[in-house]
N, C-alpha and C. Protein backbone atom coordinates (compact mmCIF):
# COMPACT_ATOMS: atom_id res chain seq x y z
N MET A 1 -1.24 19.56 -11.64
CA MET A 1 0.19 19.26 -11.48
C MET A 1 0.96 20.46 -10.95
N ASN A 2 0.26 21.53 -10.57
CA ASN A 2 0.96 22.73 -10.15
C ASN A 2 1.81 22.52 -8.90
N ASP A 3 1.47 21.49 -8.10
CA ASP A 3 2.24 21.23 -6.89
C ASP A 3 3.41 20.29 -7.15
N ARG A 4 3.60 19.90 -8.39
CA ARG A 4 4.69 19.00 -8.75
C ARG A 4 5.71 19.78 -9.58
N VAL A 5 6.94 19.84 -9.10
CA VAL A 5 7.99 20.55 -9.83
C VAL A 5 8.58 19.61 -10.87
N ALA A 6 8.60 20.07 -12.12
CA ALA A 6 9.12 19.24 -13.21
C ALA A 6 10.55 19.64 -13.56
N ASP A 7 11.32 18.65 -13.99
CA ASP A 7 12.60 18.93 -14.62
C ASP A 7 12.31 19.16 -16.10
N VAL A 8 12.67 20.32 -16.60
CA VAL A 8 12.39 20.68 -17.99
C VAL A 8 13.69 20.61 -18.79
N THR A 9 13.67 19.82 -19.85
CA THR A 9 14.86 19.60 -20.66
C THR A 9 14.49 19.67 -22.13
N GLU A 10 15.33 20.26 -22.94
CA GLU A 10 15.13 20.22 -24.39
C GLU A 10 15.96 19.08 -24.96
N VAL A 11 15.31 18.25 -25.76
CA VAL A 11 15.95 17.09 -26.38
C VAL A 11 16.05 17.36 -27.88
N GLU A 12 17.26 17.34 -28.40
CA GLU A 12 17.44 17.60 -29.82
C GLU A 12 16.91 16.43 -30.66
N THR A 13 16.15 16.76 -31.70
CA THR A 13 15.65 15.76 -32.64
C THR A 13 16.02 16.22 -34.05
N ALA A 14 15.76 15.37 -35.01
CA ALA A 14 16.07 15.71 -36.41
C ALA A 14 15.24 16.88 -36.91
N HIS A 15 14.20 17.26 -36.18
CA HIS A 15 13.29 18.31 -36.63
C HIS A 15 13.19 19.46 -35.63
N GLY A 16 14.25 19.64 -34.87
CA GLY A 16 14.28 20.71 -33.88
C GLY A 16 14.13 20.16 -32.47
N PRO A 17 14.33 21.00 -31.47
CA PRO A 17 14.25 20.52 -30.09
C PRO A 17 12.81 20.23 -29.65
N ALA A 18 12.64 19.10 -28.97
CA ALA A 18 11.40 18.81 -28.25
C ALA A 18 11.63 19.21 -26.80
N ARG A 19 10.55 19.53 -26.10
CA ARG A 19 10.69 19.93 -24.70
C ARG A 19 10.06 18.88 -23.81
N LEU A 20 10.83 18.42 -22.85
CA LEU A 20 10.44 17.34 -21.96
C LEU A 20 10.21 17.88 -20.55
N HIS A 21 9.02 17.63 -20.01
CA HIS A 21 8.69 18.01 -18.64
C HIS A 21 8.59 16.71 -17.83
N LEU A 22 9.58 16.44 -17.01
CA LEU A 22 9.68 15.17 -16.32
C LEU A 22 9.35 15.32 -14.84
N HIS A 23 8.37 14.53 -14.40
CA HIS A 23 7.99 14.49 -12.99
C HIS A 23 8.40 13.14 -12.44
N ARG A 24 9.08 13.14 -11.30
CA ARG A 24 9.54 11.90 -10.67
C ARG A 24 8.71 11.60 -9.43
N PRO A 25 8.46 10.32 -9.16
CA PRO A 25 7.75 9.97 -7.91
C PRO A 25 8.67 10.15 -6.72
N THR A 26 8.11 10.00 -5.53
CA THR A 26 8.92 10.23 -4.33
C THR A 26 9.97 9.15 -4.12
N GLY A 27 9.69 7.91 -4.53
CA GLY A 27 10.66 6.83 -4.38
C GLY A 27 11.22 6.41 -5.73
N ALA A 28 11.88 5.27 -5.75
CA ALA A 28 12.41 4.74 -7.00
C ALA A 28 11.25 4.42 -7.94
N PRO A 29 11.29 4.89 -9.20
CA PRO A 29 10.16 4.67 -10.11
C PRO A 29 10.00 3.21 -10.50
N ILE A 30 8.75 2.79 -10.68
CA ILE A 30 8.46 1.42 -11.12
C ILE A 30 8.11 1.37 -12.60
N GLY A 31 8.10 2.51 -13.26
CA GLY A 31 7.79 2.58 -14.68
C GLY A 31 7.78 4.03 -15.13
N LEU A 32 7.50 4.23 -16.39
CA LEU A 32 7.49 5.57 -16.98
C LEU A 32 6.27 5.73 -17.87
N LEU A 33 5.52 6.80 -17.67
CA LEU A 33 4.41 7.18 -18.54
C LEU A 33 4.83 8.39 -19.35
N MET A 34 4.78 8.28 -20.66
CA MET A 34 5.21 9.34 -21.58
C MET A 34 4.00 9.80 -22.39
N LEU A 35 3.65 11.09 -22.28
CA LEU A 35 2.42 11.60 -22.86
C LEU A 35 2.67 12.76 -23.81
N GLY A 36 1.91 12.80 -24.90
CA GLY A 36 1.98 13.88 -25.87
C GLY A 36 0.69 14.68 -25.92
N HIS A 37 0.78 15.89 -26.40
CA HIS A 37 -0.35 16.84 -26.42
C HIS A 37 -1.20 16.70 -27.69
N GLY A 38 -2.30 17.44 -27.72
CA GLY A 38 -3.13 17.50 -28.90
C GLY A 38 -2.48 18.32 -30.00
N ALA A 39 -3.11 18.35 -31.17
CA ALA A 39 -2.48 18.98 -32.35
C ALA A 39 -2.10 20.43 -32.11
N GLY A 40 -3.02 21.22 -31.59
CA GLY A 40 -2.72 22.63 -31.34
C GLY A 40 -2.72 22.98 -29.88
N GLY A 41 -2.77 21.97 -29.03
CA GLY A 41 -2.86 22.19 -27.59
C GLY A 41 -1.53 22.05 -26.89
N GLY A 42 -1.60 22.03 -25.57
CA GLY A 42 -0.39 21.94 -24.77
C GLY A 42 -0.47 20.84 -23.75
N ILE A 43 0.56 20.78 -22.92
CA ILE A 43 0.66 19.68 -21.95
C ILE A 43 -0.12 19.96 -20.67
N THR A 44 -0.77 21.12 -20.58
CA THR A 44 -1.53 21.44 -19.37
C THR A 44 -3.00 21.03 -19.49
N ALA A 45 -3.38 20.32 -20.55
CA ALA A 45 -4.75 19.83 -20.67
C ALA A 45 -5.11 18.99 -19.45
N GLY A 46 -6.35 19.13 -19.00
CA GLY A 46 -6.77 18.49 -17.76
C GLY A 46 -6.62 16.99 -17.75
N ASP A 47 -6.93 16.34 -18.89
CA ASP A 47 -6.83 14.89 -18.91
C ASP A 47 -5.38 14.42 -18.89
N LEU A 48 -4.47 15.17 -19.53
CA LEU A 48 -3.06 14.82 -19.48
C LEU A 48 -2.52 14.95 -18.05
N GLU A 49 -2.87 16.05 -17.40
CA GLU A 49 -2.41 16.24 -16.02
C GLU A 49 -2.99 15.18 -15.10
N ALA A 50 -4.25 14.80 -15.33
CA ALA A 50 -4.86 13.75 -14.51
C ALA A 50 -4.12 12.43 -14.68
N ALA A 51 -3.79 12.08 -15.92
CA ALA A 51 -3.08 10.83 -16.18
C ALA A 51 -1.70 10.85 -15.54
N ALA A 52 -1.00 11.97 -15.65
CA ALA A 52 0.33 12.08 -15.06
C ALA A 52 0.27 11.96 -13.54
N ARG A 53 -0.74 12.55 -12.94
CA ARG A 53 -0.86 12.48 -11.48
C ARG A 53 -1.13 11.05 -11.03
N VAL A 54 -1.97 10.34 -11.76
CA VAL A 54 -2.23 8.93 -11.43
C VAL A 54 -0.94 8.13 -11.48
N ALA A 55 -0.17 8.34 -12.55
CA ALA A 55 1.10 7.62 -12.69
C ALA A 55 2.02 7.88 -11.50
N LEU A 56 2.14 9.15 -11.11
CA LEU A 56 2.99 9.50 -9.98
C LEU A 56 2.50 8.85 -8.69
N ASP A 57 1.21 8.85 -8.48
CA ASP A 57 0.64 8.25 -7.27
C ASP A 57 0.91 6.74 -7.23
N LEU A 58 1.04 6.13 -8.40
CA LEU A 58 1.32 4.69 -8.48
C LEU A 58 2.81 4.38 -8.36
N GLY A 59 3.63 5.43 -8.37
CA GLY A 59 5.08 5.22 -8.27
C GLY A 59 5.80 5.25 -9.59
N MET A 60 5.12 5.70 -10.66
CA MET A 60 5.76 5.84 -11.96
C MET A 60 6.29 7.27 -12.13
N ALA A 61 7.27 7.44 -12.99
CA ALA A 61 7.65 8.77 -13.46
C ALA A 61 6.69 9.16 -14.58
N ALA A 62 6.50 10.45 -14.78
CA ALA A 62 5.60 10.94 -15.82
C ALA A 62 6.31 12.00 -16.65
N ALA A 63 6.35 11.79 -17.95
CA ALA A 63 7.02 12.72 -18.86
C ALA A 63 5.99 13.29 -19.83
N LEU A 64 5.86 14.61 -19.84
CA LEU A 64 4.96 15.30 -20.76
C LEU A 64 5.81 15.96 -21.83
N ILE A 65 5.51 15.66 -23.09
CA ILE A 65 6.40 16.03 -24.20
C ILE A 65 5.75 17.08 -25.10
N GLU A 66 6.49 18.16 -25.36
CA GLU A 66 6.08 19.15 -26.35
C GLU A 66 6.83 18.88 -27.65
N GLN A 67 6.08 18.69 -28.72
CA GLN A 67 6.68 18.43 -30.02
C GLN A 67 7.47 19.65 -30.52
N PRO A 68 8.48 19.44 -31.37
CA PRO A 68 9.29 20.55 -31.86
C PRO A 68 8.49 21.68 -32.52
N TYR A 69 7.42 21.35 -33.24
CA TYR A 69 6.66 22.43 -33.89
C TYR A 69 5.98 23.33 -32.85
N ARG A 70 5.61 22.76 -31.69
CA ARG A 70 5.01 23.58 -30.65
C ARG A 70 6.08 24.39 -29.91
N VAL A 71 7.25 23.78 -29.71
CA VAL A 71 8.36 24.50 -29.10
C VAL A 71 8.73 25.71 -29.95
N ALA A 72 8.61 25.55 -31.27
CA ALA A 72 8.94 26.65 -32.20
C ALA A 72 7.82 27.68 -32.29
N GLY A 73 6.71 27.45 -31.58
CA GLY A 73 5.63 28.43 -31.56
C GLY A 73 4.55 28.23 -32.60
N ARG A 74 4.58 27.10 -33.32
CA ARG A 74 3.56 26.85 -34.34
C ARG A 74 2.42 26.02 -33.77
N LYS A 75 1.20 26.28 -34.25
CA LYS A 75 0.04 25.50 -33.82
C LYS A 75 -0.30 24.39 -34.80
N ALA A 76 -0.05 24.63 -36.07
CA ALA A 76 -0.34 23.60 -37.07
C ALA A 76 0.68 22.48 -36.93
N PRO A 77 0.22 21.22 -36.81
CA PRO A 77 1.16 20.11 -36.59
C PRO A 77 2.06 19.85 -37.78
N ALA A 78 3.25 19.39 -37.48
CA ALA A 78 4.19 18.96 -38.53
C ALA A 78 3.69 17.64 -39.13
N PRO A 79 4.23 17.25 -40.29
CA PRO A 79 3.84 15.97 -40.90
C PRO A 79 4.07 14.79 -39.97
N ALA A 80 3.30 13.73 -40.20
CA ALA A 80 3.35 12.56 -39.32
C ALA A 80 4.76 12.00 -39.18
N ALA A 81 5.49 11.92 -40.28
CA ALA A 81 6.84 11.36 -40.22
C ALA A 81 7.74 12.16 -39.28
N GLN A 82 7.56 13.48 -39.27
CA GLN A 82 8.40 14.33 -38.42
C GLN A 82 8.04 14.19 -36.95
N VAL A 83 6.74 14.21 -36.63
CA VAL A 83 6.36 14.11 -35.22
C VAL A 83 6.65 12.71 -34.68
N ASP A 84 6.51 11.70 -35.52
CA ASP A 84 6.82 10.34 -35.08
C ASP A 84 8.31 10.19 -34.79
N THR A 85 9.13 10.75 -35.65
CA THR A 85 10.58 10.69 -35.44
C THR A 85 10.98 11.43 -34.17
N ALA A 86 10.42 12.62 -33.96
CA ALA A 86 10.74 13.38 -32.75
C ALA A 86 10.32 12.61 -31.50
N TRP A 87 9.15 11.99 -31.55
CA TRP A 87 8.64 11.23 -30.41
C TRP A 87 9.55 10.05 -30.08
N THR A 88 9.94 9.29 -31.09
CA THR A 88 10.80 8.13 -30.83
C THR A 88 12.19 8.57 -30.35
N THR A 89 12.64 9.73 -30.80
CA THR A 89 13.92 10.25 -30.32
C THR A 89 13.86 10.55 -28.82
N VAL A 90 12.78 11.18 -28.39
CA VAL A 90 12.62 11.48 -26.96
C VAL A 90 12.48 10.18 -26.16
N ALA A 91 11.74 9.22 -26.71
CA ALA A 91 11.59 7.93 -26.02
C ALA A 91 12.94 7.25 -25.83
N GLU A 92 13.78 7.31 -26.84
CA GLU A 92 15.11 6.72 -26.74
C GLU A 92 15.95 7.47 -25.70
N TRP A 93 15.81 8.79 -25.66
CA TRP A 93 16.55 9.61 -24.70
C TRP A 93 16.15 9.23 -23.27
N LEU A 94 14.87 8.91 -23.07
CA LEU A 94 14.37 8.56 -21.75
C LEU A 94 14.57 7.10 -21.38
N HIS A 95 14.45 6.22 -22.40
CA HIS A 95 14.25 4.80 -22.11
C HIS A 95 15.25 3.89 -22.83
N GLY A 96 16.21 4.50 -23.54
CA GLY A 96 17.20 3.70 -24.26
C GLY A 96 18.11 2.93 -23.32
N ALA A 97 19.03 2.20 -23.89
CA ALA A 97 19.87 1.28 -23.11
C ALA A 97 20.61 1.94 -21.97
N ASP A 98 21.08 3.17 -22.17
CA ASP A 98 21.86 3.84 -21.13
C ASP A 98 21.09 4.99 -20.49
N ALA A 99 19.77 5.05 -20.69
CA ALA A 99 18.96 6.16 -20.20
C ALA A 99 18.54 5.95 -18.75
N GLU A 100 18.03 7.01 -18.16
CA GLU A 100 17.64 6.97 -16.74
C GLU A 100 16.61 5.88 -16.45
N PHE A 101 15.67 5.67 -17.38
CA PHE A 101 14.58 4.74 -17.13
C PHE A 101 14.71 3.44 -17.91
N ALA A 102 15.91 3.14 -18.34
CA ALA A 102 16.16 1.89 -19.06
C ALA A 102 15.75 0.69 -18.21
N GLY A 103 15.09 -0.26 -18.85
CA GLY A 103 14.70 -1.48 -18.17
C GLY A 103 13.38 -1.42 -17.45
N LEU A 104 12.81 -0.23 -17.27
CA LEU A 104 11.51 -0.10 -16.64
C LEU A 104 10.41 -0.16 -17.70
N PRO A 105 9.21 -0.60 -17.32
CA PRO A 105 8.11 -0.59 -18.30
C PRO A 105 7.81 0.83 -18.77
N LEU A 106 7.64 1.00 -20.07
CA LEU A 106 7.31 2.29 -20.67
C LEU A 106 5.88 2.22 -21.21
N VAL A 107 5.04 3.13 -20.74
CA VAL A 107 3.70 3.28 -21.28
C VAL A 107 3.66 4.63 -22.01
N THR A 108 3.25 4.62 -23.26
CA THR A 108 3.18 5.85 -24.03
C THR A 108 1.72 6.21 -24.30
N GLY A 109 1.49 7.45 -24.67
CA GLY A 109 0.12 7.86 -24.95
C GLY A 109 0.03 9.36 -25.15
N GLY A 110 -1.19 9.85 -25.06
CA GLY A 110 -1.42 11.27 -25.24
C GLY A 110 -2.88 11.54 -25.51
N ARG A 111 -3.18 12.81 -25.72
CA ARG A 111 -4.55 13.15 -26.05
C ARG A 111 -4.66 13.47 -27.55
N SER A 112 -5.71 12.95 -28.18
CA SER A 112 -6.06 13.24 -29.56
C SER A 112 -4.88 12.98 -30.51
N PHE A 113 -4.34 14.02 -31.11
CA PHE A 113 -3.18 13.90 -32.00
C PHE A 113 -2.02 13.15 -31.34
N GLY A 114 -1.78 13.44 -30.06
CA GLY A 114 -0.70 12.76 -29.34
C GLY A 114 -0.96 11.28 -29.18
N ALA A 115 -2.24 10.89 -29.06
CA ALA A 115 -2.58 9.47 -28.99
C ALA A 115 -2.26 8.78 -30.30
N ARG A 116 -2.53 9.45 -31.42
CA ARG A 116 -2.22 8.86 -32.73
C ARG A 116 -0.72 8.63 -32.87
N VAL A 117 0.08 9.59 -32.45
CA VAL A 117 1.54 9.44 -32.52
C VAL A 117 1.99 8.24 -31.70
N ALA A 118 1.46 8.12 -30.49
CA ALA A 118 1.84 7.01 -29.62
C ALA A 118 1.45 5.67 -30.22
N CYS A 119 0.28 5.61 -30.86
CA CYS A 119 -0.14 4.35 -31.50
C CYS A 119 0.79 3.97 -32.65
N ARG A 120 1.08 4.93 -33.51
CA ARG A 120 1.90 4.63 -34.69
C ARG A 120 3.32 4.20 -34.32
N THR A 121 3.80 4.67 -33.18
CA THR A 121 5.20 4.42 -32.80
C THR A 121 5.34 3.40 -31.68
N SER A 122 4.25 2.76 -31.28
CA SER A 122 4.29 1.91 -30.08
C SER A 122 5.32 0.79 -30.20
N ALA A 123 5.43 0.19 -31.37
CA ALA A 123 6.41 -0.89 -31.54
C ALA A 123 7.83 -0.34 -31.48
N GLY A 124 8.07 0.77 -32.16
CA GLY A 124 9.41 1.35 -32.21
C GLY A 124 9.90 1.87 -30.87
N THR A 125 8.98 2.29 -30.00
CA THR A 125 9.40 2.79 -28.69
C THR A 125 9.46 1.68 -27.65
N GLY A 126 9.02 0.48 -28.00
CA GLY A 126 9.02 -0.62 -27.05
C GLY A 126 8.00 -0.44 -25.94
N SER A 127 6.87 0.15 -26.28
CA SER A 127 5.84 0.44 -25.28
C SER A 127 5.23 -0.84 -24.72
N ALA A 128 4.99 -0.85 -23.41
CA ALA A 128 4.28 -1.95 -22.77
C ALA A 128 2.78 -1.75 -22.85
N GLY A 129 2.34 -0.53 -23.11
CA GLY A 129 0.93 -0.21 -23.22
C GLY A 129 0.79 1.17 -23.83
N VAL A 130 -0.42 1.47 -24.33
CA VAL A 130 -0.69 2.76 -24.96
C VAL A 130 -1.97 3.34 -24.37
N LEU A 131 -1.91 4.58 -23.90
CA LEU A 131 -3.05 5.28 -23.31
C LEU A 131 -3.52 6.36 -24.28
N CYS A 132 -4.75 6.23 -24.75
CA CYS A 132 -5.31 7.16 -25.73
C CYS A 132 -6.42 7.97 -25.08
N LEU A 133 -6.22 9.25 -24.93
CA LEU A 133 -7.21 10.15 -24.38
C LEU A 133 -7.87 10.89 -25.54
N ALA A 134 -9.15 10.58 -25.82
CA ALA A 134 -9.89 11.20 -26.92
C ALA A 134 -9.24 10.90 -28.27
N PHE A 135 -9.15 9.62 -28.61
CA PHE A 135 -8.58 9.24 -29.90
C PHE A 135 -9.46 9.79 -31.03
N PRO A 136 -8.88 10.58 -31.96
CA PRO A 136 -9.69 11.19 -33.02
C PRO A 136 -9.90 10.21 -34.17
N LEU A 137 -10.96 9.42 -34.09
CA LEU A 137 -11.19 8.37 -35.07
C LEU A 137 -11.30 8.90 -36.49
N HIS A 138 -11.93 10.05 -36.64
CA HIS A 138 -12.07 10.67 -37.96
C HIS A 138 -12.29 12.17 -37.78
N PRO A 139 -12.04 12.98 -38.80
CA PRO A 139 -12.38 14.40 -38.68
C PRO A 139 -13.88 14.56 -38.47
N PRO A 140 -14.31 15.58 -37.74
CA PRO A 140 -15.75 15.75 -37.50
C PRO A 140 -16.55 15.78 -38.81
N GLY A 141 -17.59 14.96 -38.85
CA GLY A 141 -18.44 14.89 -40.03
C GLY A 141 -17.87 14.11 -41.18
N ARG A 142 -16.72 13.45 -40.99
CA ARG A 142 -16.09 12.71 -42.08
C ARG A 142 -15.78 11.28 -41.65
N PRO A 143 -16.80 10.48 -41.33
CA PRO A 143 -16.53 9.12 -40.84
C PRO A 143 -15.82 8.23 -41.85
N GLU A 144 -15.86 8.60 -43.13
CA GLU A 144 -15.16 7.80 -44.14
C GLU A 144 -13.64 7.95 -44.04
N LYS A 145 -13.18 8.96 -43.32
CA LYS A 145 -11.73 9.19 -43.15
C LYS A 145 -11.25 8.53 -41.85
N SER A 146 -11.52 7.25 -41.69
CA SER A 146 -11.24 6.57 -40.43
C SER A 146 -9.74 6.37 -40.19
N ARG A 147 -9.37 6.51 -38.92
CA ARG A 147 -7.98 6.25 -38.48
C ARG A 147 -7.93 5.01 -37.59
N GLN A 148 -8.95 4.17 -37.68
CA GLN A 148 -9.01 2.97 -36.84
C GLN A 148 -7.77 2.10 -37.02
N GLU A 149 -7.21 2.11 -38.22
CA GLU A 149 -6.04 1.27 -38.51
C GLU A 149 -4.87 1.61 -37.60
N GLU A 150 -4.71 2.90 -37.28
CA GLU A 150 -3.61 3.29 -36.39
C GLU A 150 -3.77 2.65 -35.02
N LEU A 151 -4.99 2.65 -34.51
CA LEU A 151 -5.25 2.06 -33.21
C LEU A 151 -5.20 0.54 -33.27
N SER A 152 -5.76 -0.04 -34.31
CA SER A 152 -5.78 -1.50 -34.44
C SER A 152 -4.38 -2.07 -34.63
N GLY A 153 -3.43 -1.23 -35.08
CA GLY A 153 -2.06 -1.69 -35.28
C GLY A 153 -1.27 -1.84 -34.00
N VAL A 154 -1.82 -1.39 -32.89
CA VAL A 154 -1.14 -1.50 -31.60
C VAL A 154 -1.29 -2.93 -31.10
N THR A 155 -0.18 -3.58 -30.81
CA THR A 155 -0.21 -5.00 -30.42
C THR A 155 -0.10 -5.20 -28.91
N VAL A 156 0.15 -4.14 -28.17
CA VAL A 156 0.21 -4.22 -26.70
C VAL A 156 -1.10 -3.69 -26.14
N PRO A 157 -1.38 -3.89 -24.85
CA PRO A 157 -2.63 -3.40 -24.29
C PRO A 157 -2.81 -1.89 -24.50
N ALA A 158 -4.00 -1.52 -24.91
CA ALA A 158 -4.33 -0.11 -25.14
C ALA A 158 -5.60 0.24 -24.39
N LEU A 159 -5.64 1.44 -23.86
CA LEU A 159 -6.84 1.98 -23.22
C LEU A 159 -7.23 3.26 -23.93
N VAL A 160 -8.47 3.31 -24.40
CA VAL A 160 -9.01 4.52 -25.02
C VAL A 160 -10.09 5.07 -24.11
N ILE A 161 -9.97 6.34 -23.74
CA ILE A 161 -11.01 7.03 -22.98
C ILE A 161 -11.63 8.07 -23.91
N GLN A 162 -12.93 7.92 -24.18
CA GLN A 162 -13.60 8.71 -25.21
C GLN A 162 -14.85 9.37 -24.65
N GLY A 163 -15.06 10.63 -24.98
CA GLY A 163 -16.28 11.33 -24.58
C GLY A 163 -17.47 10.81 -25.35
N GLU A 164 -18.61 10.70 -24.69
CA GLU A 164 -19.80 10.13 -25.33
C GLU A 164 -20.32 11.02 -26.48
N ARG A 165 -19.98 12.30 -26.45
CA ARG A 165 -20.43 13.22 -27.50
C ARG A 165 -19.24 13.72 -28.34
N ASP A 166 -18.23 12.93 -28.47
CA ASP A 166 -17.04 13.34 -29.22
C ASP A 166 -17.35 13.41 -30.71
N PRO A 167 -17.24 14.58 -31.34
CA PRO A 167 -17.52 14.68 -32.78
C PRO A 167 -16.47 13.98 -33.64
N PHE A 168 -15.36 13.59 -33.04
CA PHE A 168 -14.32 12.85 -33.77
C PHE A 168 -14.60 11.35 -33.79
N GLY A 169 -15.75 10.93 -33.30
CA GLY A 169 -16.15 9.54 -33.39
C GLY A 169 -15.72 8.70 -32.21
N ARG A 170 -16.08 7.42 -32.28
CA ARG A 170 -15.76 6.47 -31.22
C ARG A 170 -15.09 5.24 -31.82
N PRO A 171 -13.84 4.98 -31.48
CA PRO A 171 -13.13 3.84 -32.07
C PRO A 171 -13.65 2.51 -31.55
N GLU A 172 -13.30 1.47 -32.26
CA GLU A 172 -13.68 0.12 -31.86
C GLU A 172 -12.65 -0.47 -30.91
N GLY A 173 -13.13 -1.26 -29.95
CA GLY A 173 -12.24 -1.98 -29.08
C GLY A 173 -11.85 -3.31 -29.69
N SER A 174 -11.01 -4.05 -29.00
CA SER A 174 -10.57 -5.36 -29.48
C SER A 174 -10.11 -6.17 -28.28
N ALA A 175 -9.52 -7.32 -28.56
CA ALA A 175 -9.02 -8.17 -27.48
C ALA A 175 -7.94 -7.47 -26.67
N THR A 176 -7.20 -6.57 -27.29
CA THR A 176 -6.11 -5.88 -26.60
C THR A 176 -6.42 -4.40 -26.34
N CYS A 177 -7.54 -3.91 -26.86
CA CYS A 177 -7.87 -2.48 -26.74
C CYS A 177 -9.20 -2.32 -26.02
N ARG A 178 -9.17 -1.66 -24.88
CA ARG A 178 -10.38 -1.38 -24.11
C ARG A 178 -10.81 0.06 -24.37
N VAL A 179 -12.08 0.26 -24.71
CA VAL A 179 -12.64 1.59 -24.93
C VAL A 179 -13.61 1.91 -23.80
N VAL A 180 -13.35 2.99 -23.08
CA VAL A 180 -14.20 3.42 -21.97
C VAL A 180 -14.83 4.76 -22.36
N VAL A 181 -16.15 4.82 -22.34
CA VAL A 181 -16.88 6.03 -22.71
C VAL A 181 -17.26 6.79 -21.44
N VAL A 182 -16.94 8.09 -21.43
CA VAL A 182 -17.24 8.93 -20.28
C VAL A 182 -18.10 10.10 -20.73
N ALA A 183 -18.67 10.80 -19.79
CA ALA A 183 -19.49 11.97 -20.11
C ALA A 183 -18.64 13.06 -20.77
N GLY A 184 -19.27 13.80 -21.68
CA GLY A 184 -18.58 14.93 -22.27
C GLY A 184 -18.21 14.74 -23.72
N ASP A 185 -17.36 15.64 -24.21
CA ASP A 185 -16.99 15.66 -25.62
C ASP A 185 -15.49 15.41 -25.79
N HIS A 186 -14.91 15.93 -26.86
CA HIS A 186 -13.50 15.66 -27.16
C HIS A 186 -12.55 16.23 -26.11
N SER A 187 -13.00 17.24 -25.38
CA SER A 187 -12.12 17.88 -24.40
C SER A 187 -11.89 17.02 -23.16
N LEU A 188 -12.78 16.05 -22.90
CA LEU A 188 -12.69 15.19 -21.72
C LEU A 188 -12.59 15.98 -20.42
N LYS A 189 -13.33 17.09 -20.34
CA LYS A 189 -13.31 17.91 -19.13
C LYS A 189 -14.44 17.58 -18.17
N LYS A 190 -15.41 16.77 -18.62
CA LYS A 190 -16.65 16.60 -17.87
C LYS A 190 -16.50 15.73 -16.62
N ASP A 191 -15.70 14.67 -16.71
CA ASP A 191 -15.64 13.70 -15.60
C ASP A 191 -14.20 13.27 -15.36
N LEU A 192 -13.38 14.18 -14.89
CA LEU A 192 -11.98 13.85 -14.62
C LEU A 192 -11.83 12.81 -13.51
N PRO A 193 -12.70 12.79 -12.48
CA PRO A 193 -12.56 11.73 -11.48
C PRO A 193 -12.70 10.32 -12.06
N LEU A 194 -13.64 10.12 -12.99
CA LEU A 194 -13.78 8.80 -13.61
C LEU A 194 -12.59 8.49 -14.50
N ILE A 195 -12.06 9.50 -15.17
CA ILE A 195 -10.88 9.29 -16.01
C ILE A 195 -9.70 8.85 -15.14
N ARG A 196 -9.50 9.52 -14.02
CA ARG A 196 -8.41 9.12 -13.12
C ARG A 196 -8.63 7.71 -12.60
N GLU A 197 -9.86 7.38 -12.23
CA GLU A 197 -10.16 6.06 -11.70
C GLU A 197 -9.90 4.97 -12.74
N THR A 198 -10.28 5.25 -13.99
CA THR A 198 -10.09 4.28 -15.06
C THR A 198 -8.61 4.03 -15.33
N ILE A 199 -7.83 5.10 -15.39
CA ILE A 199 -6.39 4.96 -15.62
C ILE A 199 -5.72 4.25 -14.44
N ALA A 200 -6.16 4.58 -13.23
CA ALA A 200 -5.58 3.97 -12.03
C ALA A 200 -5.84 2.47 -11.99
N GLY A 201 -6.94 2.02 -12.59
CA GLY A 201 -7.20 0.58 -12.64
C GLY A 201 -6.46 -0.14 -13.74
N TRP A 202 -6.14 0.61 -14.81
CA TRP A 202 -5.52 -0.01 -16.00
C TRP A 202 -4.00 -0.07 -15.90
N LEU A 203 -3.36 0.99 -15.44
CA LEU A 203 -1.90 1.04 -15.44
C LEU A 203 -1.26 -0.11 -14.66
N PRO A 204 -1.74 -0.46 -13.47
CA PRO A 204 -1.11 -1.59 -12.75
C PRO A 204 -1.19 -2.91 -13.54
N GLN A 205 -2.26 -3.10 -14.30
CA GLN A 205 -2.38 -4.31 -15.10
C GLN A 205 -1.28 -4.36 -16.18
N VAL A 206 -1.00 -3.21 -16.76
CA VAL A 206 0.06 -3.14 -17.79
C VAL A 206 1.42 -3.38 -17.15
N LEU A 207 1.66 -2.77 -16.01
CA LEU A 207 2.95 -2.92 -15.33
C LEU A 207 3.18 -4.36 -14.87
N ALA A 208 2.09 -5.09 -14.60
CA ALA A 208 2.22 -6.45 -14.09
C ALA A 208 2.49 -7.47 -15.19
N ARG A 209 2.36 -7.07 -16.46
CA ARG A 209 2.55 -8.03 -17.55
C ARG A 209 4.02 -8.42 -17.66
């Protein structure tokens, strides 16, 4: 994404400012993709940038969101209630009734921790679809601590892209959730071309609903 200049804005939330990096397509946008980072990571992860680039090439705007705890310089994530509230606040700022992208389809998602946030808040943000990059089904070595319920609670189309050797496990698909397994581990660095191709095939289907 280095060749794409982003508009960077801080959005006030109940738990401190979130930072929004907004990339616009060359013409009028046909939708908005909103992505969150991993628990201790940032928005420059390769899979996040790949997803954002696909969205832009399709004519969507792409928003990469830094949670307030990361803006404040902390690596340990804030409690779920806080990150979910901050996420929905940014979604409202972008997609609410009087916002720039009001009325356009909103697809939310993220990598790992960010995917969990997008799943839990999909109904509240009015998402048309949810993109999960390396959904962390359970902590490594702890399959009994499953988070499948968060993913299964998503009622709109969901796409999960999971590394075949991901120590965080592999979630189950469903009638509305497609799971695509790619080479590599939780970092999803092994096959970015296939990741881009998969997202490029899925996003138009969501926008057409």
